Amino acid sequence: MTSLPIRTPVRILGIDPGLRRTGWGVIDVEGNRLIYVGCGSVESRDTLTLAERLLAIHEGLARILSEFRPIEAAVEATFVNKDGASTLKLGQARGVAMLVPAQAGILVAEYAPNQVKKTVVGAGHADKNQIQVMLKLLLPKAAPQTPDAADALAIAITHAHHRQSVRLKLKVASA
């Protein structure tokens, strides 16, 4: 009689970048099972300079990495606003959100907002309420306090569903 191999859970950090509030969500994936680990947001005050706000995001995400020790990360891709200055600032926050896990040697995947909605809800133009309902079904123990934290959990779930294809693309690209 042989025993089945023990599956090691994969810990994933989802990040919803924002200058005012950067959401984060951590899940474990065991086979097809999703397990809620934690979520929250890193906030920066409007009164700080842009550099200080980016530093606050960096330090907050570094604390999350240190506490939860994910082995993979996923970040929501930036969409373009009507206001170019806002888009640029969001891009800078997103750059920090990608930099922190990359500095720790963690794979960072990117997902478009529509892909996140399609993966979690089944429709690419789902609203925030539909995402909340699906999060309760997929991660019953999760109780995100902010929409940013909920979005971050949705990003982590999206990565859990697409991580094998992301790894394959990276492997092919490096060959």
N, C-alpha and C. Protein backbone atom coordinates (compact mmCIF):
# COMPACT_ATOMS: atom_id res chain seq x y z
N MET A 1 0.84 -1.17 0.00
CA MET A 1 0.00 0.00 0.00
C MET A 1 0.89 1.24 0.00
N THR A 2 0.62 2.16 -0.93
CA THR A 2 1.40 3.39 -0.98
C THR A 2 0.55 4.56 -0.53
N SER A 3 1.19 5.50 0.10
CA SER A 3 0.45 6.67 0.56
C SER A 3 0.52 7.76 -0.51
N LEU A 4 -0.51 8.56 -0.55
CA LEU A 4 -0.55 9.67 -1.50
C LEU A 4 0.41 10.75 -1.04
N PRO A 5 0.99 11.49 -1.99
CA PRO A 5 1.90 12.57 -1.59
C PRO A 5 1.12 13.67 -0.87
N ILE A 6 1.75 14.25 0.11
CA ILE A 6 1.13 15.34 0.85
C ILE A 6 1.31 16.62 0.04
N ARG A 7 0.20 17.31 -0.20
CA ARG A 7 0.25 18.56 -0.94
C ARG A 7 0.63 19.69 -0.01
N THR A 8 1.59 20.45 -0.43
CA THR A 8 1.98 21.62 0.32
C THR A 8 1.12 22.79 -0.15
N PRO A 9 0.47 23.49 0.77
CA PRO A 9 -0.34 24.64 0.34
C PRO A 9 0.54 25.72 -0.28
N VAL A 10 -0.03 26.41 -1.25
CA VAL A 10 0.63 27.54 -1.88
C VAL A 10 -0.01 28.79 -1.31
N ARG A 11 0.80 29.66 -0.73
CA ARG A 11 0.29 30.90 -0.14
C ARG A 11 0.42 32.02 -1.17
N ILE A 12 -0.70 32.68 -1.43
CA ILE A 12 -0.76 33.73 -2.45
C ILE A 12 -1.18 35.05 -1.81
N LEU A 13 -0.47 36.11 -2.19
CA LEU A 13 -0.81 37.47 -1.77
C LEU A 13 -1.42 38.19 -2.96
N GLY A 14 -2.65 38.66 -2.80
CA GLY A 14 -3.29 39.50 -3.81
C GLY A 14 -3.19 40.95 -3.39
N ILE A 15 -2.88 41.83 -4.35
CA ILE A 15 -2.71 43.25 -4.03
C ILE A 15 -3.56 44.09 -4.98
N ASP A 16 -4.37 44.98 -4.40
CA ASP A 16 -5.15 45.95 -5.15
C ASP A 16 -4.52 47.32 -4.90
N PRO A 17 -3.65 47.76 -5.81
CA PRO A 17 -2.89 48.98 -5.55
C PRO A 17 -3.73 50.25 -5.59
N GLY A 18 -3.41 51.15 -4.70
CA GLY A 18 -4.04 52.47 -4.66
C GLY A 18 -3.16 53.39 -3.85
N LEU A 19 -3.19 54.66 -4.17
CA LEU A 19 -2.34 55.62 -3.46
C LEU A 19 -2.90 55.91 -2.07
N ARG A 20 -4.21 56.02 -1.97
CA ARG A 20 -4.85 56.28 -0.68
C ARG A 20 -4.92 55.02 0.16
N ARG A 21 -5.32 53.92 -0.49
CA ARG A 21 -5.48 52.65 0.21
C ARG A 21 -5.09 51.52 -0.72
N THR A 22 -4.13 50.70 -0.32
CA THR A 22 -3.72 49.52 -1.08
C THR A 22 -4.26 48.30 -0.34
N GLY A 23 -5.16 47.59 -1.01
CA GLY A 23 -5.74 46.40 -0.40
C GLY A 23 -4.83 45.20 -0.54
N TRP A 24 -4.87 44.33 0.45
CA TRP A 24 -4.12 43.08 0.39
C TRP A 24 -4.99 41.93 0.89
N GLY A 25 -4.77 40.77 0.31
CA GLY A 25 -5.49 39.58 0.73
C GLY A 25 -4.61 38.37 0.58
N VAL A 26 -4.61 37.49 1.56
CA VAL A 26 -3.76 36.31 1.55
C VAL A 26 -4.64 35.07 1.63
N ILE A 27 -4.39 34.14 0.71
CA ILE A 27 -5.09 32.85 0.73
C ILE A 27 -4.06 31.73 0.59
N ASP A 28 -4.45 30.55 1.05
CA ASP A 28 -3.69 29.33 0.79
C ASP A 28 -4.49 28.52 -0.22
N VAL A 29 -3.77 27.85 -1.10
CA VAL A 29 -4.40 26.99 -2.09
C VAL A 29 -3.86 25.58 -1.90
N GLU A 30 -4.77 24.64 -1.66
CA GLU A 30 -4.41 23.21 -1.55
C GLU A 30 -5.21 22.48 -2.60
N GLY A 31 -4.57 22.12 -3.69
CA GLY A 31 -5.31 21.50 -4.79
C GLY A 31 -6.31 22.50 -5.32
N ASN A 32 -7.61 22.15 -5.24
CA ASN A 32 -8.67 23.06 -5.67
C ASN A 32 -9.29 23.84 -4.51
N ARG A 33 -8.79 23.61 -3.32
CA ARG A 33 -9.36 24.24 -2.13
C ARG A 33 -8.72 25.59 -1.85
N LEU A 34 -9.56 26.60 -1.63
CA LEU A 34 -9.10 27.94 -1.27
C LEU A 34 -9.32 28.15 0.22
N ILE A 35 -8.30 28.63 0.92
CA ILE A 35 -8.39 28.83 2.36
C ILE A 35 -8.03 30.28 2.68
N TYR A 36 -8.94 30.97 3.34
CA TYR A 36 -8.72 32.36 3.74
C TYR A 36 -7.65 32.41 4.83
N VAL A 37 -6.70 33.35 4.67
CA VAL A 37 -5.65 33.53 5.68
C VAL A 37 -5.76 34.91 6.33
N GLY A 38 -5.91 35.95 5.53
CA GLY A 38 -6.01 37.29 6.09
C GLY A 38 -6.22 38.33 5.00
N CYS A 39 -6.67 39.52 5.40
CA CYS A 39 -6.82 40.62 4.46
C CYS A 39 -6.86 41.94 5.21
N GLY A 40 -6.68 43.01 4.47
CA GLY A 40 -6.70 44.34 5.06
C GLY A 40 -6.27 45.36 4.04
N SER A 41 -5.85 46.50 4.54
CA SER A 41 -5.35 47.53 3.62
C SER A 41 -4.24 48.32 4.27
N VAL A 42 -3.36 48.81 3.42
CA VAL A 42 -2.28 49.69 3.83
C VAL A 42 -2.73 51.09 3.43
N GLU A 43 -2.77 51.99 4.37
CA GLU A 43 -3.28 53.33 4.08
C GLU A 43 -2.18 54.37 4.21
N SER A 44 -2.30 55.41 3.37
CA SER A 44 -1.38 56.54 3.46
C SER A 44 -2.21 57.81 3.55
N ARG A 45 -1.77 58.73 4.35
CA ARG A 45 -2.52 59.97 4.56
C ARG A 45 -2.37 60.92 3.37
N ASP A 46 -3.46 61.62 3.06
CA ASP A 46 -3.45 62.59 1.96
C ASP A 46 -2.49 63.75 2.22
N THR A 47 -2.16 63.99 3.48
CA THR A 47 -1.31 65.13 3.82
C THR A 47 0.17 64.85 3.54
N LEU A 48 0.53 63.61 3.28
CA LEU A 48 1.93 63.26 3.02
C LEU A 48 2.30 63.60 1.58
N THR A 49 3.58 63.77 1.34
CA THR A 49 4.04 63.97 -0.03
C THR A 49 3.90 62.65 -0.79
N LEU A 50 3.96 62.72 -2.10
CA LEU A 50 3.84 61.50 -2.91
C LEU A 50 4.91 60.49 -2.51
N ALA A 51 6.14 60.94 -2.33
CA ALA A 51 7.23 60.03 -1.95
C ALA A 51 6.95 59.37 -0.61
N GLU A 52 6.42 60.13 0.35
CA GLU A 52 6.11 59.58 1.67
C GLU A 52 4.95 58.57 1.59
N ARG A 53 3.99 58.84 0.72
CA ARG A 53 2.87 57.92 0.55
C ARG A 53 3.34 56.61 -0.07
N LEU A 54 4.22 56.71 -1.05
CA LEU A 54 4.76 55.50 -1.68
C LEU A 54 5.59 54.71 -0.67
N LEU A 55 6.33 55.41 0.17
CA LEU A 55 7.11 54.75 1.22
C LEU A 55 6.18 54.04 2.21
N ALA A 56 5.06 54.65 2.56
CA ALA A 56 4.10 54.03 3.48
C ALA A 56 3.55 52.73 2.87
N ILE A 57 3.26 52.75 1.57
CA ILE A 57 2.78 51.54 0.89
C ILE A 57 3.87 50.47 0.92
N HIS A 58 5.10 50.87 0.62
CA HIS A 58 6.22 49.93 0.62
C HIS A 58 6.39 49.28 1.99
N GLU A 59 6.43 50.11 3.02
CA GLU A 59 6.63 49.58 4.38
C GLU A 59 5.47 48.68 4.81
N GLY A 60 4.25 49.08 4.48
CA GLY A 60 3.08 48.28 4.86
C GLY A 60 3.09 46.92 4.18
N LEU A 61 3.38 46.90 2.88
CA LEU A 61 3.42 45.62 2.16
C LEU A 61 4.59 44.76 2.62
N ALA A 62 5.70 45.40 2.96
CA ALA A 62 6.85 44.64 3.48
C ALA A 62 6.47 43.95 4.80
N ARG A 63 5.68 44.63 5.64
CA ARG A 63 5.21 44.02 6.90
C ARG A 63 4.31 42.83 6.61
N ILE A 64 3.43 42.97 5.61
CA ILE A 64 2.52 41.87 5.25
C ILE A 64 3.33 40.67 4.76
N LEU A 65 4.32 40.91 3.92
CA LEU A 65 5.18 39.82 3.43
C LEU A 65 5.88 39.13 4.58
N SER A 66 6.40 39.92 5.51
CA SER A 66 7.12 39.36 6.65
C SER A 66 6.19 38.53 7.54
N GLU A 67 4.98 39.00 7.74
CA GLU A 67 4.03 38.31 8.62
C GLU A 67 3.46 37.04 7.98
N PHE A 68 3.05 37.12 6.71
CA PHE A 68 2.33 36.01 6.09
C PHE A 68 3.18 35.11 5.20
N ARG A 69 4.33 35.56 4.77
CA ARG A 69 5.28 34.79 3.98
C ARG A 69 4.66 34.09 2.76
N PRO A 70 4.05 34.87 1.86
CA PRO A 70 3.50 34.25 0.64
C PRO A 70 4.64 33.80 -0.27
N ILE A 71 4.33 32.86 -1.16
CA ILE A 71 5.36 32.42 -2.12
C ILE A 71 5.04 32.90 -3.54
N GLU A 72 3.84 33.43 -3.74
CA GLU A 72 3.46 34.02 -5.01
C GLU A 72 2.60 35.25 -4.73
N ALA A 73 2.60 36.18 -5.68
CA ALA A 73 1.80 37.40 -5.52
C ALA A 73 1.13 37.76 -6.84
N ALA A 74 0.04 38.48 -6.73
CA ALA A 74 -0.69 38.94 -7.91
C ALA A 74 -1.16 40.37 -7.66
N VAL A 75 -1.06 41.18 -8.71
CA VAL A 75 -1.40 42.60 -8.63
C VAL A 75 -2.40 42.91 -9.74
N GLU A 76 -3.37 43.77 -9.42
CA GLU A 76 -4.31 44.18 -10.45
C GLU A 76 -3.63 45.16 -11.39
N ALA A 77 -3.84 44.96 -12.69
CA ALA A 77 -3.27 45.85 -13.71
C ALA A 77 -4.00 47.19 -13.66
N THR A 78 -3.28 48.24 -13.99
CA THR A 78 -3.83 49.58 -13.97
C THR A 78 -4.74 49.81 -15.16
N PHE A 79 -5.85 50.47 -14.89
CA PHE A 79 -6.70 50.92 -15.99
C PHE A 79 -6.48 52.43 -16.13
N VAL A 80 -6.75 52.97 -17.29
CA VAL A 80 -6.51 54.38 -17.56
C VAL A 80 -7.74 55.19 -17.19
N ASN A 81 -7.53 56.18 -16.33
CA ASN A 81 -8.61 57.11 -15.95
C ASN A 81 -8.68 58.24 -16.98
N LYS A 82 -9.72 59.04 -16.86
CA LYS A 82 -9.82 60.24 -17.69
C LYS A 82 -8.75 61.24 -17.30
N ASP A 83 -8.38 61.23 -16.03
CA ASP A 83 -7.38 62.15 -15.51
C ASP A 83 -6.00 61.50 -15.58
N GLY A 84 -5.15 62.04 -16.45
CA GLY A 84 -3.81 61.47 -16.65
C GLY A 84 -2.96 61.50 -15.39
N ALA A 85 -3.06 62.57 -14.60
CA ALA A 85 -2.27 62.68 -13.37
C ALA A 85 -2.65 61.57 -12.38
N SER A 86 -3.94 61.29 -12.26
CA SER A 86 -4.39 60.22 -11.36
C SER A 86 -3.89 58.86 -11.83
N THR A 87 -3.93 58.64 -13.13
CA THR A 87 -3.45 57.38 -13.69
C THR A 87 -1.96 57.20 -13.40
N LEU A 88 -1.20 58.27 -13.55
CA LEU A 88 0.24 58.22 -13.29
C LEU A 88 0.52 57.89 -11.82
N LYS A 89 -0.20 58.52 -10.91
CA LYS A 89 -0.01 58.26 -9.48
C LYS A 89 -0.40 56.83 -9.13
N LEU A 90 -1.49 56.34 -9.70
CA LEU A 90 -1.89 54.95 -9.47
C LEU A 90 -0.81 54.01 -9.99
N GLY A 91 -0.24 54.35 -11.13
CA GLY A 91 0.85 53.54 -11.69
C GLY A 91 2.06 53.48 -10.77
N GLN A 92 2.34 54.59 -10.10
CA GLN A 92 3.46 54.61 -9.16
C GLN A 92 3.16 53.71 -7.96
N ALA A 93 1.94 53.76 -7.46
CA ALA A 93 1.55 52.89 -6.33
C ALA A 93 1.62 51.43 -6.78
N ARG A 94 1.19 51.17 -8.00
CA ARG A 94 1.23 49.80 -8.54
C ARG A 94 2.69 49.32 -8.68
N GLY A 95 3.58 50.23 -9.08
CA GLY A 95 4.99 49.89 -9.18
C GLY A 95 5.55 49.45 -7.83
N VAL A 96 5.20 50.16 -6.78
CA VAL A 96 5.64 49.79 -5.43
C VAL A 96 5.04 48.43 -5.04
N ALA A 97 3.76 48.23 -5.39
CA ALA A 97 3.09 46.97 -5.06
C ALA A 97 3.74 45.78 -5.76
N MET A 98 4.30 46.01 -6.93
CA MET A 98 5.01 44.93 -7.64
C MET A 98 6.44 44.78 -7.14
N LEU A 99 7.04 45.90 -6.76
CA LEU A 99 8.44 45.89 -6.32
C LEU A 99 8.64 45.12 -5.02
N VAL A 100 7.76 45.32 -4.05
CA VAL A 100 7.96 44.72 -2.72
C VAL A 100 8.06 43.19 -2.80
N PRO A 101 7.09 42.49 -3.43
CA PRO A 101 7.26 41.03 -3.52
C PRO A 101 8.43 40.63 -4.43
N ALA A 102 8.66 41.40 -5.49
CA ALA A 102 9.79 41.07 -6.38
C ALA A 102 11.12 41.15 -5.64
N GLN A 103 11.26 42.14 -4.75
CA GLN A 103 12.48 42.25 -3.95
C GLN A 103 12.68 41.03 -3.06
N ALA A 104 11.58 40.39 -2.67
CA ALA A 104 11.66 39.20 -1.82
C ALA A 104 11.82 37.93 -2.65
N GLY A 105 11.96 38.08 -3.97
CA GLY A 105 12.15 36.92 -4.83
C GLY A 105 10.86 36.17 -5.14
N ILE A 106 9.73 36.85 -5.01
CA ILE A 106 8.42 36.23 -5.21
C ILE A 106 7.91 36.53 -6.62
N LEU A 107 7.38 35.52 -7.28
CA LEU A 107 6.74 35.68 -8.58
C LEU A 107 5.59 36.66 -8.44
N VAL A 108 5.50 37.65 -9.35
CA VAL A 108 4.42 38.63 -9.34
C VAL A 108 3.68 38.53 -10.67
N ALA A 109 2.42 38.13 -10.60
CA ALA A 109 1.57 38.05 -11.80
C ALA A 109 0.67 39.28 -11.84
N GLU A 110 0.18 39.60 -13.03
CA GLU A 110 -0.70 40.75 -13.21
C GLU A 110 -2.00 40.30 -13.87
N TYR A 111 -3.11 40.87 -13.41
CA TYR A 111 -4.42 40.52 -13.96
C TYR A 111 -5.24 41.78 -14.19
N ALA A 112 -5.88 41.85 -15.34
CA ALA A 112 -6.75 42.97 -15.66
C ALA A 112 -8.01 42.91 -14.79
N PRO A 113 -8.60 44.06 -14.46
CA PRO A 113 -9.81 44.06 -13.63
C PRO A 113 -10.92 43.17 -14.20
N ASN A 114 -11.12 43.19 -15.51
CA ASN A 114 -12.18 42.36 -16.11
C ASN A 114 -11.89 40.87 -15.95
N GLN A 115 -10.60 40.49 -16.01
CA GLN A 115 -10.25 39.09 -15.83
C GLN A 115 -10.53 38.65 -14.39
N VAL A 116 -10.26 39.52 -13.43
CA VAL A 116 -10.54 39.21 -12.02
C VAL A 116 -12.05 38.99 -11.84
N LYS A 117 -12.85 39.90 -12.37
CA LYS A 117 -14.31 39.79 -12.25
C LYS A 117 -14.82 38.54 -12.94
N LYS A 118 -14.30 38.25 -14.12
CA LYS A 118 -14.75 37.08 -14.87
C LYS A 118 -14.39 35.79 -14.13
N THR A 119 -13.21 35.75 -13.53
CA THR A 119 -12.77 34.56 -12.80
C THR A 119 -13.61 34.34 -11.54
N VAL A 120 -13.84 35.39 -10.78
CA VAL A 120 -14.52 35.26 -9.49
C VAL A 120 -16.04 35.17 -9.63
N VAL A 121 -16.61 35.99 -10.52
CA VAL A 121 -18.07 36.07 -10.65
C VAL A 121 -18.59 35.33 -11.87
N GLY A 122 -17.77 35.28 -12.92
CA GLY A 122 -18.21 34.65 -14.17
C GLY A 122 -18.60 35.66 -15.22
N ALA A 123 -18.54 36.95 -14.88
CA ALA A 123 -18.86 38.02 -15.83
C ALA A 123 -17.82 39.12 -15.70
N GLY A 124 -17.27 39.54 -16.82
CA GLY A 124 -16.19 40.54 -16.82
C GLY A 124 -16.61 41.94 -16.41
N HIS A 125 -17.92 42.19 -16.36
CA HIS A 125 -18.39 43.52 -15.96
C HIS A 125 -19.22 43.45 -14.69
N ALA A 126 -18.85 42.54 -13.79
CA ALA A 126 -19.56 42.39 -12.52
C ALA A 126 -19.32 43.61 -11.64
N ASP A 127 -20.26 43.87 -10.72
CA ASP A 127 -20.08 45.00 -9.82
C ASP A 127 -19.52 44.52 -8.48
N LYS A 128 -19.21 45.49 -7.62
CA LYS A 128 -18.59 45.19 -6.32
C LYS A 128 -19.45 44.26 -5.46
N ASN A 129 -20.77 44.44 -5.51
CA ASN A 129 -21.66 43.59 -4.71
C ASN A 129 -21.59 42.13 -5.14
N GLN A 130 -21.51 41.90 -6.44
CA GLN A 130 -21.41 40.53 -6.94
C GLN A 130 -20.10 39.89 -6.48
N ILE A 131 -19.04 40.66 -6.47
CA ILE A 131 -17.74 40.15 -5.99
C ILE A 131 -17.85 39.79 -4.52
N GLN A 132 -18.48 40.65 -3.72
CA GLN A 132 -18.67 40.37 -2.28
C GLN A 132 -19.43 39.07 -2.05
N VAL A 133 -20.50 38.85 -2.82
CA VAL A 133 -21.31 37.64 -2.68
C VAL A 133 -20.47 36.40 -2.99
N MET A 134 -19.70 36.45 -4.07
CA MET A 134 -18.87 35.31 -4.44
C MET A 134 -17.75 35.07 -3.44
N LEU A 135 -17.19 36.15 -2.89
CA LEU A 135 -16.15 35.97 -1.86
C LEU A 135 -16.70 35.21 -0.66
N LYS A 136 -17.94 35.51 -0.27
CA LYS A 136 -18.55 34.80 0.87
C LYS A 136 -18.72 33.32 0.58
N LEU A 137 -18.98 33.00 -0.69
CA LEU A 137 -19.12 31.59 -1.07
C LEU A 137 -17.76 30.89 -1.17
N LEU A 138 -16.79 31.57 -1.78
CA LEU A 138 -15.49 30.95 -2.01
C LEU A 138 -14.60 30.95 -0.76
N LEU A 139 -14.73 32.00 0.06
CA LEU A 139 -13.92 32.14 1.28
C LEU A 139 -14.85 32.51 2.44
N PRO A 140 -15.60 31.54 2.96
CA PRO A 140 -16.62 31.85 3.98
C PRO A 140 -16.08 32.52 5.25
N LYS A 141 -14.84 32.31 5.58
CA LYS A 141 -14.28 32.91 6.80
C LYS A 141 -13.80 34.34 6.59
N ALA A 142 -13.73 34.77 5.34
CA ALA A 142 -13.25 36.13 5.03
C ALA A 142 -14.32 37.16 5.33
N ALA A 143 -13.90 38.26 5.94
CA ALA A 143 -14.80 39.38 6.21
C ALA A 143 -14.05 40.68 5.94
N PRO A 144 -13.76 40.97 4.66
CA PRO A 144 -12.98 42.18 4.36
C PRO A 144 -13.70 43.44 4.82
N GLN A 145 -12.95 44.33 5.45
CA GLN A 145 -13.51 45.56 6.01
C GLN A 145 -13.60 46.68 4.98
N THR A 146 -12.85 46.57 3.88
CA THR A 146 -12.86 47.61 2.85
C THR A 146 -13.02 46.96 1.48
N PRO A 147 -13.55 47.71 0.51
CA PRO A 147 -13.63 47.19 -0.86
C PRO A 147 -12.25 46.83 -1.43
N ASP A 148 -11.22 47.55 -0.99
CA ASP A 148 -9.87 47.28 -1.48
C ASP A 148 -9.38 45.91 -1.01
N ALA A 149 -9.68 45.56 0.23
CA ALA A 149 -9.30 44.25 0.76
C ALA A 149 -10.07 43.15 0.04
N ALA A 150 -11.36 43.38 -0.24
CA ALA A 150 -12.17 42.41 -0.98
C ALA A 150 -11.61 42.22 -2.38
N ASP A 151 -11.26 43.32 -3.04
CA ASP A 151 -10.67 43.23 -4.38
C ASP A 151 -9.36 42.46 -4.35
N ALA A 152 -8.56 42.69 -3.32
CA ALA A 152 -7.28 41.99 -3.20
C ALA A 152 -7.49 40.48 -3.05
N LEU A 153 -8.50 40.08 -2.29
CA LEU A 153 -8.81 38.65 -2.17
C LEU A 153 -9.25 38.09 -3.52
N ALA A 154 -10.04 38.86 -4.26
CA ALA A 154 -10.47 38.43 -5.59
C ALA A 154 -9.27 38.27 -6.53
N ILE A 155 -8.30 39.14 -6.40
CA ILE A 155 -7.08 39.05 -7.22
C ILE A 155 -6.29 37.79 -6.84
N ALA A 156 -6.21 37.49 -5.55
CA ALA A 156 -5.52 36.26 -5.11
C ALA A 156 -6.24 35.02 -5.64
N ILE A 157 -7.57 35.03 -5.60
CA ILE A 157 -8.34 33.90 -6.13
C ILE A 157 -8.09 33.75 -7.62
N THR A 158 -8.06 34.86 -8.34
CA THR A 158 -7.79 34.82 -9.78
C THR A 158 -6.44 34.17 -10.05
N HIS A 159 -5.45 34.55 -9.26
CA HIS A 159 -4.12 33.95 -9.45
C HIS A 159 -4.16 32.46 -9.13
N ALA A 160 -4.90 32.08 -8.11
CA ALA A 160 -5.01 30.65 -7.78
C ALA A 160 -5.54 29.86 -8.96
N HIS A 161 -6.47 30.44 -9.71
CA HIS A 161 -7.07 29.75 -10.85
C HIS A 161 -6.20 29.79 -12.10
N HIS A 162 -5.34 30.79 -12.21
CA HIS A 162 -4.54 30.96 -13.44
C HIS A 162 -3.05 30.76 -13.25
N ARG A 163 -2.62 30.40 -12.04
CA ARG A 163 -1.19 30.37 -11.73
C ARG A 163 -0.40 29.38 -12.58
N GLN A 164 -0.99 28.25 -12.94
CA GLN A 164 -0.25 27.27 -13.75
C GLN A 164 0.04 27.83 -15.14
N SER A 165 -0.92 28.53 -15.73
CA SER A 165 -0.68 29.09 -17.06
C SER A 165 0.32 30.24 -17.00
N VAL A 166 0.33 31.00 -15.90
CA VAL A 166 1.31 32.08 -15.73
C VAL A 166 2.72 31.47 -15.63
N ARG A 167 2.86 30.42 -14.84
CA ARG A 167 4.17 29.76 -14.70
C ARG A 167 4.65 29.19 -16.04
N LEU A 168 3.73 28.61 -16.80
CA LEU A 168 4.09 28.05 -18.11
C LEU A 168 4.57 29.15 -19.05
N LYS A 169 3.86 30.29 -19.07
CA LYS A 169 4.27 31.41 -19.93
C LYS A 169 5.65 31.90 -19.55
N LEU A 170 5.93 32.00 -18.25
CA LEU A 170 7.25 32.46 -17.80
C LEU A 170 8.34 31.46 -18.19
N LYS A 171 8.02 30.18 -18.08
CA LYS A 171 8.98 29.14 -18.43
C LYS A 171 9.32 29.19 -19.92
N VAL A 172 8.30 29.35 -20.76
CA VAL A 172 8.49 29.43 -22.20
C VAL A 172 9.28 30.68 -22.56
N ALA A 173 8.96 31.80 -21.92
CA ALA A 173 9.64 33.06 -22.20
C ALA A 173 11.12 33.01 -21.82
N SER A 174 11.46 32.27 -20.78
CA SER A 174 12.86 32.22 -20.34
C SER A 174 13.67 31.16 -21.09
N ALA A 175 13.02 30.32 -21.88
CA ALA A 175 13.73 29.27 -22.61
C ALA A 175 14.45 29.79 -23.83
